[in-house]
Amino acid sequence: MADFHEFYPLQRHNTFGFDVRARLAVHIRSENDLGAALRDPRLEGLPVVVLGGGSNVVLTGDLDAAVLLMQIPGYSVQAADDAWLVTAGAGENWHELVCRTIDDGMPGLENLALIPGTAGAAPIQNIGAYGVELRERFHSLRAWDRQTRAFVSLSLAQCDFAYRDSLFKREGRDRYIITAVTLRLPRPWQPVLGYAELAREVAGQDMAGREPDAATIRDAVIAVRTRKLPDPREIGNAGSFFKNPVVSAAQRDALLARHPDLVSHAQPDGSFKLAAGWLIDRCGFKGVTDGPVGVYGKQALVLVHHGGGTGSDLLALATRIADTVQQRFGVRIEPEPVVL
C-alpha cells in the first residue's frame, strides 16, 4: 500500500536542500501504489507533483499539493539483433543504472555517468553530457496518462525530445506520470570522445596500449565531473543550472570577433552552442556569494545553496546572472531546473 504523509518535509527530496513541506506526500513503490494514490480521496482538489531524486527542481516554498515520491524499482534486459533493450523502473538511481549496464557488458551510457536523479526523470530533461543525449539511447517509456486514465507506451518520436527539453516539460507536463523507461544501447558499441576535456582525461589513463572501453570512459567522466561539480550531499546544488544557449552562425561570429576566446560548439543544423559557464564566468560571477546562495567557485554554471536560504533567494541570483549575460553578450541564458 502507498504510504501517505501530511505536511511532509522535502529537504531530503531536493538536492538544493531547501527546507519546504508538502501538504501531502505519497511514497510510490509500484504501479499499484500509483493507482491507489490517484484514486485516494485525500488527493481530491490537490495539484499532483511527481518527485524523483529532486535533482532538477527549485522548490520556492511549501507545496500545497500532493507530492508523489517516485521510488518504483526494476531492471530487465532484452537482446535485439542490433542493440540491448534495458528497462528500468522510474525510481532507479540513474548513475547506478549506468554502472550496472556497463558492468553487465552493455555499454552506451558511459558519457552520462554521475548525472544525479532517477531513470524516470531522465526523459523529462532529456539529460545529456559530453556529446551524448538521452534521446540517442532511448527506445520507449511507460507512463500513466491522467487524461485517458490508462497506462500508455510512448515512443522516441512521441516524446518529442529537444535540447534539455521534451513533451513532459511542455504540453505533457501535467498529463503523464512515468513509471518505467526502456533504453536502446546499440551494438556494436562506438565510443563518443568528441569533447576535448573528456578525451584528454581518457588519454591520461594507463590503458597499456588498449583502446578505451566503456568502463574507462565512465571513470573518466566521473573524474572530470567530480573535479568540476560539487557533491549535493556536501553543498546544495542541482548540477548545471543554466542551459547552454544556441545561436546562429552570424551571431556566434560577431561574438567571436569581440571575444576571441569564446567557447562554442558547432551544431548539425549550422547553429552554435555557446558555453553558458564561460559567459557567466566572463561576467564575474564565478565564486560569488549572495547571502545563503551563490555560484560555485570551480564552475560558474553551478548555483549553490549554503544553507538557510530559499528557492526565491536562488531565483533572484539566477535572474541577476541572466540579465547581466544578456546585457554584456546579447544572449539570453535559461534555467534547466523546473521551478515549483
C-alpha atoms as a PDB file:
ATOM      1  CA  MET A   1       0.000   0.000   0.000  1.00  0.00           C
ATOM      2  CA  ALA A   2       1.121   3.537  -0.724  1.00  0.00           C
ATOM      3  CA  ASP A   3       2.337   5.478   2.340  1.00  0.00           C
ATOM      4  CA  PHE A   4       0.610   8.845   2.904  1.00  0.00           C
ATOM      5  CA  HIS A   5       2.148  11.643   4.988  1.00  0.00           C
ATOM      6  CA  GLU A   6       0.728  15.080   5.769  1.00  0.00           C
ATOM      7  CA  PHE A   7       2.927  18.204   5.875  1.00  0.00           C
ATOM      8  CA  TYR A   8       5.866  16.078   4.832  1.00  0.00           C
ATOM      9  CA  PRO A   9       9.405  17.602   4.853  1.00  0.00           C
ATOM     10  CA  LEU A  10      11.026  17.624   1.420  1.00  0.00           C
ATOM     11  CA  GLN A  11      14.512  18.762   2.432  1.00  0.00           C
ATOM     12  CA  ARG A  12      15.933  15.292   1.678  1.00  0.00           C
ATOM     13  CA  HIS A  13      13.985  15.111  -1.574  1.00  0.00           C
ATOM     14  CA  ASN A  14      15.572  18.103  -3.343  1.00  0.00           C
ATOM     15  CA  THR A  15      19.305  18.339  -3.927  1.00  0.00           C
ATOM     16  CA  PHE A  16      19.383  22.068  -3.157  1.00  0.00           C
ATOM     17  CA  GLY A  17      18.264  21.100   0.354  1.00  0.00           C
ATOM     18  CA  PHE A  18      15.553  23.742   0.642  1.00  0.00           C
ATOM     19  CA  ASP A  19      13.515  23.266   3.808  1.00  0.00           C
ATOM     20  CA  VAL A  20       9.965  23.074   2.490  1.00  0.00           C
ATOM     21  CA  ARG A  21       6.998  20.811   3.130  1.00  0.00           C
ATOM     22  CA  ALA A  22       4.330  19.109   1.064  1.00  0.00           C
ATOM     23  CA  ARG A  23       0.686  19.311   2.060  1.00  0.00           C
ATOM     24  CA  LEU A  24       0.523  15.577   1.280  1.00  0.00           C
ATOM     25  CA  ALA A  25       3.296  13.173   0.213  1.00  0.00           C
ATOM     26  CA  VAL A  26       2.933   9.615  -1.031  1.00  0.00           C
ATOM     27  CA  HIS A  27       5.693   7.029  -1.464  1.00  0.00           C
ATOM     28  CA  ILE A  28       5.144   5.264  -4.807  1.00  0.00           C
ATOM     29  CA  ARG A  29       6.944   1.907  -4.969  1.00  0.00           C
ATOM     30  CA  SER A  30       4.844   0.183  -7.662  1.00  0.00           C
ATOM     31  CA  GLU A  31       2.286   0.911 -10.349  1.00  0.00           C
ATOM     32  CA  ASN A  32      -0.332  -0.449  -7.944  1.00  0.00           C
ATOM     33  CA  ASP A  33       0.754   2.181  -5.405  1.00  0.00           C
ATOM     34  CA  LEU A  34       0.350   4.841  -8.069  1.00  0.00           C
ATOM     35  CA  GLY A  35      -3.153   3.686  -8.947  1.00  0.00           C
ATOM     36  CA  ALA A  36      -4.179   3.541  -5.303  1.00  0.00           C
ATOM     37  CA  ALA A  37      -2.775   7.009  -4.610  1.00  0.00           C
ATOM     38  CA  LEU A  38      -4.530   8.634  -7.557  1.00  0.00           C
ATOM     39  CA  ARG A  39      -7.856   7.076  -6.506  1.00  0.00           C
ATOM     40  CA  ASP A  40      -7.500   8.152  -2.881  1.00  0.00           C
ATOM     41  CA  PRO A  41      -9.995  10.857  -1.833  1.00  0.00           C
ATOM     42  CA  ARG A  42      -7.248  12.688   0.055  1.00  0.00           C
ATOM     43  CA  LEU A  43      -5.857  13.833  -3.306  1.00  0.00           C
ATOM     44  CA  GLU A  44      -9.131  15.382  -4.392  1.00  0.00           C
ATOM     45  CA  GLY A  45      -8.689  19.046  -5.284  1.00  0.00           C
ATOM     46  CA  LEU A  46      -4.911  18.984  -4.864  1.00  0.00           C
ATOM     47  CA  PRO A  47      -2.411  19.521  -7.688  1.00  0.00           C
ATOM     48  CA  VAL A  48      -0.199  16.467  -8.225  1.00  0.00           C
ATOM     49  CA  VAL A  49       3.593  16.863  -8.321  1.00  0.00           C
ATOM     50  CA  VAL A  50       5.996  13.999  -9.072  1.00  0.00           C
ATOM     51  CA  LEU A  51       9.471  13.998  -7.475  1.00  0.00           C
ATOM     52  CA  GLY A  52      12.212  11.511  -8.240  1.00  0.00           C
ATOM     53  CA  GLY A  53      15.627  12.408  -6.893  1.00  0.00           C
ATOM     54  CA  GLY A  54      14.749  16.095  -6.742  1.00  0.00           C
ATOM     55  CA  SER A  55      17.948  16.936  -8.632  1.00  0.00           C
ATOM     56  CA  ASN A  56      16.361  19.174 -11.251  1.00  0.00           C
ATOM     57  CA  VAL A  57      13.869  21.284  -9.288  1.00  0.00           C
ATOM     58  CA  VAL A  58      13.870  24.559  -7.390  1.00  0.00           C
ATOM     59  CA  LEU A  59      11.300  24.494  -4.593  1.00  0.00           C
ATOM     60  CA  THR A  60      10.400  28.097  -3.811  1.00  0.00           C
ATOM     61  CA  GLY A  61       8.121  27.368  -0.848  1.00  0.00           C
ATOM     62  CA  ASP A  62       5.800  24.844   0.766  1.00  0.00           C
ATOM     63  CA  LEU A  63       3.803  22.871  -1.803  1.00  0.00           C
ATOM     64  CA  ASP A  64       0.046  22.944  -1.373  1.00  0.00           C
ATOM     65  CA  ALA A  65      -0.072  19.770  -3.423  1.00  0.00           C
ATOM     66  CA  ALA A  66       0.068  16.000  -3.350  1.00  0.00           C
ATOM     67  CA  VAL A  67       3.700  15.060  -3.991  1.00  0.00           C
ATOM     68  CA  LEU A  68       4.271  11.593  -5.403  1.00  0.00           C
ATOM     69  CA  LEU A  69       7.731  10.395  -4.347  1.00  0.00           C
ATOM     70  CA  MET A  70       8.594   8.087  -7.251  1.00  0.00           C
ATOM     71  CA  GLN A  71      10.507   5.035  -5.996  1.00  0.00           C
ATOM     72  CA  ILE A  72       9.466   2.258  -8.410  1.00  0.00           C
ATOM     73  CA  PRO A  73      12.368  -0.229  -8.813  1.00  0.00           C
ATOM     74  CA  GLY A  74      13.070  -2.603 -11.677  1.00  0.00           C
ATOM     75  CA  TYR A  75      15.723  -3.746 -14.129  1.00  0.00           C
ATOM     76  CA  SER A  76      15.343  -6.106 -17.079  1.00  0.00           C
ATOM     77  CA  VAL A  77      17.178  -6.732 -20.351  1.00  0.00           C
ATOM     78  CA  GLN A  78      16.063  -7.886 -23.785  1.00  0.00           C
ATOM     79  CA  ALA A  79      18.554  -8.635 -26.573  1.00  0.00           C
ATOM     80  CA  ALA A  80      17.807  -7.453 -30.112  1.00  0.00           C
ATOM     81  CA  ASP A  81      19.927  -8.001 -33.226  1.00  0.00           C
ATOM     82  CA  ASP A  82      21.496  -4.552 -33.161  1.00  0.00           C
ATOM     83  CA  ALA A  83      21.004  -3.389 -29.573  1.00  0.00           C
ATOM     84  CA  TRP A  84      20.336  -4.190 -25.951  1.00  0.00           C
ATOM     85  CA  LEU A  85      16.958  -3.023 -24.661  1.00  0.00           C
ATOM     86  CA  VAL A  86      17.248  -2.192 -20.962  1.00  0.00           C
ATOM     87  CA  THR A  87      14.108  -1.373 -18.969  1.00  0.00           C
ATOM     88  CA  ALA A  88      14.451   0.400 -15.626  1.00  0.00           C
ATOM     89  CA  GLY A  89      11.841   1.365 -13.067  1.00  0.00           C
ATOM     90  CA  ALA A  90      11.289   5.095 -12.744  1.00  0.00           C
ATOM     91  CA  GLY A  91      12.736   5.135  -9.227  1.00  0.00           C
ATOM     92  CA  GLU A  92      16.076   3.558 -10.138  1.00  0.00           C
ATOM     93  CA  ASN A  93      19.095   5.750  -9.427  1.00  0.00           C
ATOM     94  CA  TRP A  94      20.422   6.943 -12.787  1.00  0.00           C
ATOM     95  CA  HIS A  95      24.160   6.685 -12.065  1.00  0.00           C
ATOM     96  CA  GLU A  96      23.760   3.227 -10.562  1.00  0.00           C
ATOM     97  CA  LEU A  97      21.855   2.209 -13.693  1.00  0.00           C
ATOM     98  CA  VAL A  98      24.684   3.491 -15.907  1.00  0.00           C
ATOM     99  CA  CYS A  99      27.232   1.499 -13.917  1.00  0.00           C
ATOM    100  CA  ARG A 100      25.113  -1.650 -13.892  1.00  0.00           C
ATOM    101  CA  THR A 101      24.632  -1.697 -17.653  1.00  0.00           C
ATOM    102  CA  ILE A 102      28.383  -1.277 -18.217  1.00  0.00           C
ATOM    103  CA  ASP A 103      29.252  -3.922 -15.640  1.00  0.00           C
ATOM    104  CA  ASP A 104      26.754  -6.258 -17.345  1.00  0.00           C
ATOM    105  CA  GLY A 105      28.533  -5.819 -20.676  1.00  0.00           C
ATOM    106  CA  MET A 106      26.096  -3.342 -22.246  1.00  0.00           C
ATOM    107  CA  PRO A 107      27.969  -0.095 -22.969  1.00  0.00           C
ATOM    108  CA  GLY A 108      26.428   3.095 -24.285  1.00  0.00           C
ATOM    109  CA  LEU A 109      25.556   5.214 -21.241  1.00  0.00           C
ATOM    110  CA  GLU A 110      29.092   5.907 -20.025  1.00  0.00           C
ATOM    111  CA  ASN A 111      29.083   9.584 -21.070  1.00  0.00           C
ATOM    112  CA  LEU A 112      26.016  10.097 -18.877  1.00  0.00           C
ATOM    113  CA  ALA A 113      27.664   8.798 -15.685  1.00  0.00           C
ATOM    114  CA  LEU A 114      27.293  10.642 -12.385  1.00  0.00           C
ATOM    115  CA  ILE A 115      24.283  12.683 -13.513  1.00  0.00           C
ATOM    116  CA  PRO A 116      22.129  12.896 -10.374  1.00  0.00           C
ATOM    117  CA  GLY A 117      18.494  11.817 -10.367  1.00  0.00           C
ATOM    118  CA  THR A 118      16.346   8.857 -11.317  1.00  0.00           C
ATOM    119  CA  ALA A 119      15.662   6.928 -14.508  1.00  0.00           C
ATOM    120  CA  GLY A 120      12.099   8.261 -14.642  1.00  0.00           C
ATOM    121  CA  ALA A 121      13.280  11.872 -14.590  1.00  0.00           C
ATOM    122  CA  ALA A 122      15.895  11.382 -17.330  1.00  0.00           C
ATOM    123  CA  PRO A 123      13.469  11.678 -20.280  1.00  0.00           C
ATOM    124  CA  ILE A 124      11.787  14.783 -18.863  1.00  0.00           C
ATOM    125  CA  GLN A 125      15.018  16.747 -19.082  1.00  0.00           C
ATOM    126  CA  ASN A 126      16.478  14.761 -21.997  1.00  0.00           C
ATOM    127  CA  ILE A 127      19.647  14.618 -19.936  1.00  0.00           C
ATOM    128  CA  GLY A 128      22.934  14.911 -21.748  1.00  0.00           C
ATOM    129  CA  ALA A 129      26.665  15.238 -21.201  1.00  0.00           C
ATOM    130  CA  TYR A 130      29.929  15.028 -23.142  1.00  0.00           C
ATOM    131  CA  GLY A 131      28.378  14.613 -26.568  1.00  0.00           C
ATOM    132  CA  VAL A 132      25.573  12.174 -25.738  1.00  0.00           C
ATOM    133  CA  GLU A 133      21.902  12.922 -25.053  1.00  0.00           C
ATOM    134  CA  LEU A 134      19.348  10.512 -23.652  1.00  0.00           C
ATOM    135  CA  ARG A 135      17.320  10.606 -26.888  1.00  0.00           C
ATOM    136  CA  GLU A 136      20.255   8.892 -28.628  1.00  0.00           C
ATOM    137  CA  ARG A 137      19.906   5.943 -26.246  1.00  0.00           C
ATOM    138  CA  PHE A 138      16.129   5.977 -25.825  1.00  0.00           C
ATOM    139  CA  HIS A 139      13.615   3.404 -27.004  1.00  0.00           C
ATOM    140  CA  SER A 140      10.312   3.998 -25.195  1.00  0.00           C
ATOM    141  CA  LEU A 141       8.714   4.583 -21.810  1.00  0.00           C
ATOM    142  CA  ARG A 142       5.670   3.523 -19.862  1.00  0.00           C
ATOM    143  CA  ALA A 143       3.501   6.121 -18.178  1.00  0.00           C
ATOM    144  CA  TRP A 144       0.125   6.692 -16.619  1.00  0.00           C
ATOM    145  CA  ASP A 145      -1.934   9.009 -18.799  1.00  0.00           C
ATOM    146  CA  ARG A 146      -4.022  11.133 -16.446  1.00  0.00           C
ATOM    147  CA  GLN A 147      -6.186  12.258 -19.355  1.00  0.00           C
ATOM    148  CA  THR A 148      -7.237   8.813 -20.622  1.00  0.00           C
ATOM    149  CA  ARG A 149      -6.762   7.169 -17.196  1.00  0.00           C
ATOM    150  CA  ALA A 150      -4.726   4.311 -18.653  1.00  0.00           C
ATOM    151  CA  PHE A 151      -1.126   3.170 -18.920  1.00  0.00           C
ATOM    152  CA  VAL A 152       0.463   4.008 -22.260  1.00  0.00           C
ATOM    153  CA  SER A 153       3.737   3.361 -24.058  1.00  0.00           C
ATOM    154  CA  LEU A 154       5.388   6.370 -25.695  1.00  0.00           C
ATOM    155  CA  SER A 155       7.997   6.038 -28.437  1.00  0.00           C
ATOM    156  CA  LEU A 156      11.058   8.158 -29.138  1.00  0.00           C
ATOM    157  CA  ALA A 157       9.131  10.261 -31.652  1.00  0.00           C
ATOM    158  CA  GLN A 158       6.169  10.748 -29.318  1.00  0.00           C
ATOM    159  CA  CYS A 159       8.410  12.092 -26.541  1.00  0.00           C
ATOM    160  CA  ASP A 160       9.437  14.953 -28.864  1.00  0.00           C
ATOM    161  CA  PHE A 161      12.879  15.428 -27.357  1.00  0.00           C
ATOM    162  CA  ALA A 162      14.884  18.621 -27.825  1.00  0.00           C
ATOM    163  CA  TYR A 163      17.902  20.118 -26.101  1.00  0.00           C
ATOM    164  CA  ARG A 164      17.183  19.690 -22.352  1.00  0.00           C
ATOM    165  CA  ASP A 165      13.513  19.542 -23.274  1.00  0.00           C
ATOM    166  CA  SER A 166      10.727  17.082 -24.043  1.00  0.00           C
ATOM    167  CA  LEU A 167       6.988  16.607 -24.283  1.00  0.00           C
ATOM    168  CA  PHE A 168       6.994  16.243 -20.484  1.00  0.00           C
ATOM    169  CA  LYS A 169       8.178  19.808 -19.888  1.00  0.00           C
ATOM    170  CA  ARG A 170       5.594  21.240 -22.261  1.00  0.00           C
ATOM    171  CA  GLU A 171       2.076  20.042 -23.091  1.00  0.00           C
ATOM    172  CA  GLY A 172       2.564  16.690 -21.350  1.00  0.00           C
ATOM    173  CA  ARG A 173       3.811  18.194 -18.104  1.00  0.00           C
ATOM    174  CA  ASP A 174       0.696  17.509 -16.042  1.00  0.00           C
ATOM    175  CA  ARG A 175      -0.582  14.638 -18.155  1.00  0.00           C
ATOM    176  CA  TYR A 176       1.942  11.788 -17.877  1.00  0.00           C
ATOM    177  CA  ILE A 177       3.464  10.060 -14.857  1.00  0.00           C
ATOM    178  CA  ILE A 178       6.445   7.983 -15.980  1.00  0.00           C
ATOM    179  CA  THR A 179       6.769   4.562 -14.325  1.00  0.00           C
ATOM    180  CA  ALA A 180       9.456   2.840 -16.449  1.00  0.00           C
ATOM    181  CA  VAL A 181      11.983   3.724 -19.164  1.00  0.00           C
ATOM    182  CA  THR A 182      13.406   1.446 -21.867  1.00  0.00           C
ATOM    183  CA  LEU A 183      16.820   2.351 -23.251  1.00  0.00           C
ATOM    184  CA  ARG A 184      18.335   1.183 -26.525  1.00  0.00           C
ATOM    185  CA  LEU A 185      22.066   0.526 -26.282  1.00  0.00           C
ATOM    186  CA  PRO A 186      23.415  -0.049 -29.831  1.00  0.00           C
ATOM    187  CA  ARG A 187      25.591  -2.976 -30.889  1.00  0.00           C
ATOM    188  CA  PRO A 188      28.371  -2.724 -31.905  1.00  0.00           C
ATOM    189  CA  TRP A 189      29.366  -0.050 -29.412  1.00  0.00           C
ATOM    190  CA  GLN A 190      31.221   3.073 -30.524  1.00  0.00           C
ATOM    191  CA  PRO A 191      32.947   5.390 -28.027  1.00  0.00           C
ATOM    192  CA  VAL A 192      31.996   9.085 -28.057  1.00  0.00           C
ATOM    193  CA  LEU A 193      35.049  11.228 -27.288  1.00  0.00           C
ATOM    194  CA  GLY A 194      34.287  14.431 -29.162  1.00  0.00           C
ATOM    195  CA  TYR A 195      34.667  16.647 -26.093  1.00  0.00           C
ATOM    196  CA  ALA A 196      38.316  17.630 -25.707  1.00  0.00           C
ATOM    197  CA  GLU A 197      38.223  17.643 -21.904  1.00  0.00           C
ATOM    198  CA  LEU A 198      36.931  14.074 -21.789  1.00  0.00           C
ATOM    199  CA  ALA A 199      39.343  12.903 -24.499  1.00  0.00           C
ATOM    200  CA  ARG A 200      42.280  14.333 -22.516  1.00  0.00           C
ATOM    201  CA  GLU A 201      41.132  12.586 -19.350  1.00  0.00           C
ATOM    202  CA  VAL A 202      40.835   9.252 -21.166  1.00  0.00           C
ATOM    203  CA  ALA A 203      44.228   9.708 -22.833  1.00  0.00           C
ATOM    204  CA  GLY A 204      45.789  10.315 -19.428  1.00  0.00           C
ATOM    205  CA  GLN A 205      44.695   6.948 -18.086  1.00  0.00           C
ATOM    206  CA  ASP A 206      47.052   3.961 -18.213  1.00  0.00           C
ATOM    207  CA  MET A 207      45.403   1.536 -20.609  1.00  0.00           C
ATOM    208  CA  ALA A 208      48.524  -0.497 -21.514  1.00  0.00           C
ATOM    209  CA  GLY A 209      48.060   0.172 -25.214  1.00  0.00           C
ATOM    210  CA  ARG A 210      44.379  -0.860 -25.254  1.00  0.00           C
ATOM    211  CA  GLU A 211      41.613   1.175 -26.858  1.00  0.00           C
ATOM    212  CA  PRO A 212      39.382   2.772 -24.193  1.00  0.00           C
ATOM    213  CA  ASP A 213      36.385   0.695 -23.197  1.00  0.00           C
ATOM    214  CA  ALA A 214      33.106   1.924 -21.730  1.00  0.00           C
ATOM    215  CA  ALA A 215      34.302   1.479 -18.141  1.00  0.00           C
ATOM    216  CA  THR A 216      37.377   3.599 -18.857  1.00  0.00           C
ATOM    217  CA  ILE A 217      35.236   6.379 -20.336  1.00  0.00           C
ATOM    218  CA  ARG A 218      32.782   6.157 -17.425  1.00  0.00           C
ATOM    219  CA  ASP A 219      35.639   6.523 -14.943  1.00  0.00           C
ATOM    220  CA  ALA A 220      36.993   9.484 -16.907  1.00  0.00           C
ATOM    221  CA  VAL A 221      33.570  11.166 -16.865  1.00  0.00           C
ATOM    222  CA  ILE A 222      33.340  10.611 -13.121  1.00  0.00           C
ATOM    223  CA  ALA A 223      36.800  12.124 -12.624  1.00  0.00           C
ATOM    224  CA  VAL A 224      36.013  15.200 -14.715  1.00  0.00           C
ATOM    225  CA  ARG A 225      32.613  15.777 -13.124  1.00  0.00           C
ATOM    226  CA  THR A 226      33.994  15.278  -9.613  1.00  0.00           C
ATOM    227  CA  ARG A 227      36.635  17.957 -10.189  1.00  0.00           C
ATOM    228  CA  LYS A 228      34.124  20.450 -11.553  1.00  0.00           C
ATOM    229  CA  LEU A 229      30.861  19.821  -9.724  1.00  0.00           C
ATOM    230  CA  PRO A 230      30.059  19.829  -6.002  1.00  0.00           C
ATOM    231  CA  ASP A 231      28.548  16.794  -4.304  1.00  0.00           C
ATOM    232  CA  PRO A 232      24.898  17.613  -3.376  1.00  0.00           C
ATOM    233  CA  ARG A 233      25.433  15.732  -0.118  1.00  0.00           C
ATOM    234  CA  GLU A 234      28.016  18.338   0.869  1.00  0.00           C
ATOM    235  CA  ILE A 235      26.638  21.530  -0.690  1.00  0.00           C
ATOM    236  CA  GLY A 236      23.153  22.044  -2.115  1.00  0.00           C
ATOM    237  CA  ASN A 237      23.054  22.190  -5.919  1.00  0.00           C
ATOM    238  CA  ALA A 238      21.343  20.797  -8.997  1.00  0.00           C
ATOM    239  CA  GLY A 239      24.383  20.484 -11.238  1.00  0.00           C
ATOM    240  CA  SER A 240      24.369  22.759 -14.270  1.00  0.00           C
ATOM    241  CA  PHE A 241      21.774  25.422 -13.592  1.00  0.00           C
ATOM    242  CA  PHE A 242      21.648  27.093 -16.999  1.00  0.00           C
ATOM    243  CA  LYS A 243      21.218  25.644 -20.477  1.00  0.00           C
ATOM    244  CA  ASN A 244      23.970  26.324 -22.989  1.00  0.00           C
ATOM    245  CA  PRO A 245      22.376  28.859 -25.368  1.00  0.00           C
ATOM    246  CA  VAL A 246      22.196  28.089 -29.083  1.00  0.00           C
ATOM    247  CA  VAL A 247      22.787  30.987 -31.503  1.00  0.00           C
ATOM    248  CA  SER A 248      23.028  31.476 -35.250  1.00  0.00           C
ATOM    249  CA  ALA A 249      26.368  31.298 -37.045  1.00  0.00           C
ATOM    250  CA  ALA A 250      26.223  35.031 -37.707  1.00  0.00           C
ATOM    251  CA  GLN A 251      25.674  35.850 -34.014  1.00  0.00           C
ATOM    252  CA  ARG A 252      28.451  33.489 -32.972  1.00  0.00           C
ATOM    253  CA  ASP A 253      30.854  35.057 -35.498  1.00  0.00           C
ATOM    254  CA  ALA A 254      30.025  38.549 -34.232  1.00  0.00           C
ATOM    255  CA  LEU A 255      30.681  37.463 -30.638  1.00  0.00           C
ATOM    256  CA  LEU A 256      33.898  35.695 -31.634  1.00  0.00           C
ATOM    257  CA  ALA A 257      35.183  38.873 -33.276  1.00  0.00           C
ATOM    258  CA  ARG A 258      34.799  40.706 -29.942  1.00  0.00           C
ATOM    259  CA  HIS A 259      35.775  37.765 -27.714  1.00  0.00           C
ATOM    260  CA  PRO A 260      38.387  35.557 -29.429  1.00  0.00           C
ATOM    261  CA  ASP A 261      38.376  33.044 -26.562  1.00  0.00           C
ATOM    262  CA  LEU A 262      34.612  32.435 -26.831  1.00  0.00           C
ATOM    263  CA  VAL A 263      33.767  28.766 -26.239  1.00  0.00           C
ATOM    264  CA  SER A 264      31.319  27.394 -28.802  1.00  0.00           C
ATOM    265  CA  HIS A 265      30.390  24.081 -30.412  1.00  0.00           C
ATOM    266  CA  ALA A 266      29.041  23.683 -33.963  1.00  0.00           C
ATOM    267  CA  GLN A 267      25.636  22.005 -34.256  1.00  0.00           C
ATOM    268  CA  PRO A 268      24.411  19.794 -37.133  1.00  0.00           C
ATOM    269  CA  ASP A 269      21.983  22.483 -38.350  1.00  0.00           C
ATOM    270  CA  GLY A 270      24.717  25.110 -38.693  1.00  0.00           C
ATOM    271  CA  SER A 271      23.980  26.896 -35.424  1.00  0.00           C
ATOM    272  CA  PHE A 272      26.414  27.103 -32.498  1.00  0.00           C
ATOM    273  CA  LYS A 273      26.005  26.132 -28.855  1.00  0.00           C
ATOM    274  CA  LEU A 274      27.759  28.562 -26.532  1.00  0.00           C
ATOM    275  CA  ALA A 275      29.190  27.579 -23.149  1.00  0.00           C
ATOM    276  CA  ALA A 276      26.929  29.238 -20.590  1.00  0.00           C
ATOM    277  CA  GLY A 277      29.568  28.722 -17.916  1.00  0.00           C
ATOM    278  CA  TRP A 278      32.065  30.759 -19.966  1.00  0.00           C
ATOM    279  CA  LEU A 279      29.549  33.598 -20.400  1.00  0.00           C
ATOM    280  CA  ILE A 280      28.777  33.664 -16.677  1.00  0.00           C
ATOM    281  CA  ASP A 281      32.453  33.497 -15.739  1.00  0.00           C
ATOM    282  CA  ARG A 282      33.271  36.452 -18.005  1.00  0.00           C
ATOM    283  CA  CYS A 283      30.595  38.444 -16.197  1.00  0.00           C
ATOM    284  CA  GLY A 284      32.478  37.920 -12.948  1.00  0.00           C
ATOM    285  CA  PHE A 285      30.050  35.613 -11.146  1.00  0.00           C
ATOM    286  CA  LYS A 286      32.235  32.558 -10.530  1.00  0.00           C
ATOM    287  CA  GLY A 287      32.627  32.077  -6.787  1.00  0.00           C
ATOM    288  CA  VAL A 288      30.218  34.898  -5.893  1.00  0.00           C
ATOM    289  CA  THR A 289      28.271  34.506  -2.639  1.00  0.00           C
ATOM    290  CA  ASP A 290      24.908  36.215  -2.237  1.00  0.00           C
ATOM    291  CA  GLY A 291      23.779  35.511   1.317  1.00  0.00           C
ATOM    292  CA  PRO A 292      22.786  31.845   1.630  1.00  0.00           C
ATOM    293  CA  VAL A 293      23.229  31.134  -2.105  1.00  0.00           C
ATOM    294  CA  GLY A 294      25.997  31.638  -4.624  1.00  0.00           C
ATOM    295  CA  VAL A 295      27.930  30.467  -7.679  1.00  0.00           C
ATOM    296  CA  TYR A 296      30.309  27.534  -7.313  1.00  0.00           C
ATOM    297  CA  GLY A 297      33.953  28.554  -7.299  1.00  0.00           C
ATOM    298  CA  LYS A 298      35.095  25.796  -9.669  1.00  0.00           C
ATOM    299  CA  GLN A 299      32.286  26.007 -12.237  1.00  0.00           C
ATOM    300  CA  ALA A 300      30.270  29.142 -12.974  1.00  0.00           C
ATOM    301  CA  LEU A 301      27.424  27.074 -14.424  1.00  0.00           C
ATOM    302  CA  VAL A 302      26.541  25.710 -10.968  1.00  0.00           C
ATOM    303  CA  LEU A 303      24.460  27.641  -8.443  1.00  0.00           C
ATOM    304  CA  VAL A 304      24.736  26.507  -4.836  1.00  0.00           C
ATOM    305  CA  HIS A 305      22.788  26.739  -1.585  1.00  0.00           C
ATOM    306  CA  HIS A 306      24.971  27.094   1.510  1.00  0.00           C
ATOM    307  CA  GLY A 307      22.050  26.534   3.890  1.00  0.00           C
ATOM    308  CA  GLY A 308      19.297  28.586   5.462  1.00  0.00           C
ATOM    309  CA  GLY A 309      18.111  30.046   2.159  1.00  0.00           C
ATOM    310  CA  THR A 310      15.076  29.666  -0.045  1.00  0.00           C
ATOM    311  CA  GLY A 311      14.334  28.893  -3.650  1.00  0.00           C
ATOM    312  CA  SER A 312      13.350  32.528  -4.089  1.00  0.00           C
ATOM    313  CA  ASP A 313      16.853  33.583  -2.986  1.00  0.00           C
ATOM    314  CA  LEU A 314      18.325  31.319  -5.628  1.00  0.00           C
ATOM    315  CA  LEU A 315      15.997  32.536  -8.386  1.00  0.00           C
ATOM    316  CA  ALA A 316      16.837  36.157  -7.593  1.00  0.00           C
ATOM    317  CA  LEU A 317      20.538  35.380  -8.108  1.00  0.00           C
ATOM    318  CA  ALA A 318      19.779  33.412 -11.290  1.00  0.00           C
ATOM    319  CA  THR A 319      17.806  36.342 -12.695  1.00  0.00           C
ATOM    320  CA  ARG A 320      20.649  38.755 -11.934  1.00  0.00           C
ATOM    321  CA  ILE A 321      23.111  36.472 -13.708  1.00  0.00           C
ATOM    322  CA  ALA A 322      20.892  36.028 -16.776  1.00  0.00           C
ATOM    323  CA  ASP A 323      20.249  39.774 -17.036  1.00  0.00           C
ATOM    324  CA  THR A 324      23.971  40.550 -16.831  1.00  0.00           C
ATOM    325  CA  VAL A 325      24.829  37.994 -19.538  1.00  0.00           C
ATOM    326  CA  GLN A 326      22.088  39.453 -21.733  1.00  0.00           C
ATOM    327  CA  GLN A 327      23.404  42.984 -21.292  1.00  0.00           C
ATOM    328  CA  ARG A 328      27.019  42.078 -22.000  1.00  0.00           C
ATOM    329  CA  PHE A 329      26.688  39.478 -24.771  1.00  0.00           C
ATOM    330  CA  GLY A 330      23.167  39.926 -26.161  1.00  0.00           C
ATOM    331  CA  VAL A 331      22.455  36.263 -25.368  1.00  0.00           C
ATOM    332  CA  ARG A 332      19.712  35.025 -23.057  1.00  0.00           C
ATOM    333  CA  ILE A 333      20.522  32.023 -20.871  1.00  0.00           C
ATOM    334  CA  GLU A 334      17.674  29.972 -19.429  1.00  0.00           C
ATOM    335  CA  PRO A 335      17.492  27.785 -16.308  1.00  0.00           C
ATOM    336  CA  GLU A 336      17.489  23.994 -16.655  1.00  0.00           C
ATOM    337  CA  PRO A 337      15.627  23.080 -13.427  1.00  0.00           C
ATOM    338  CA  VAL A 338      11.858  23.110 -13.063  1.00  0.00           C
ATOM    339  CA  VAL A 339      10.596  25.775 -10.651  1.00  0.00           C
ATOM    340  CA  LEU A 340       7.850  24.689  -8.245  1.00  0.00           C
END
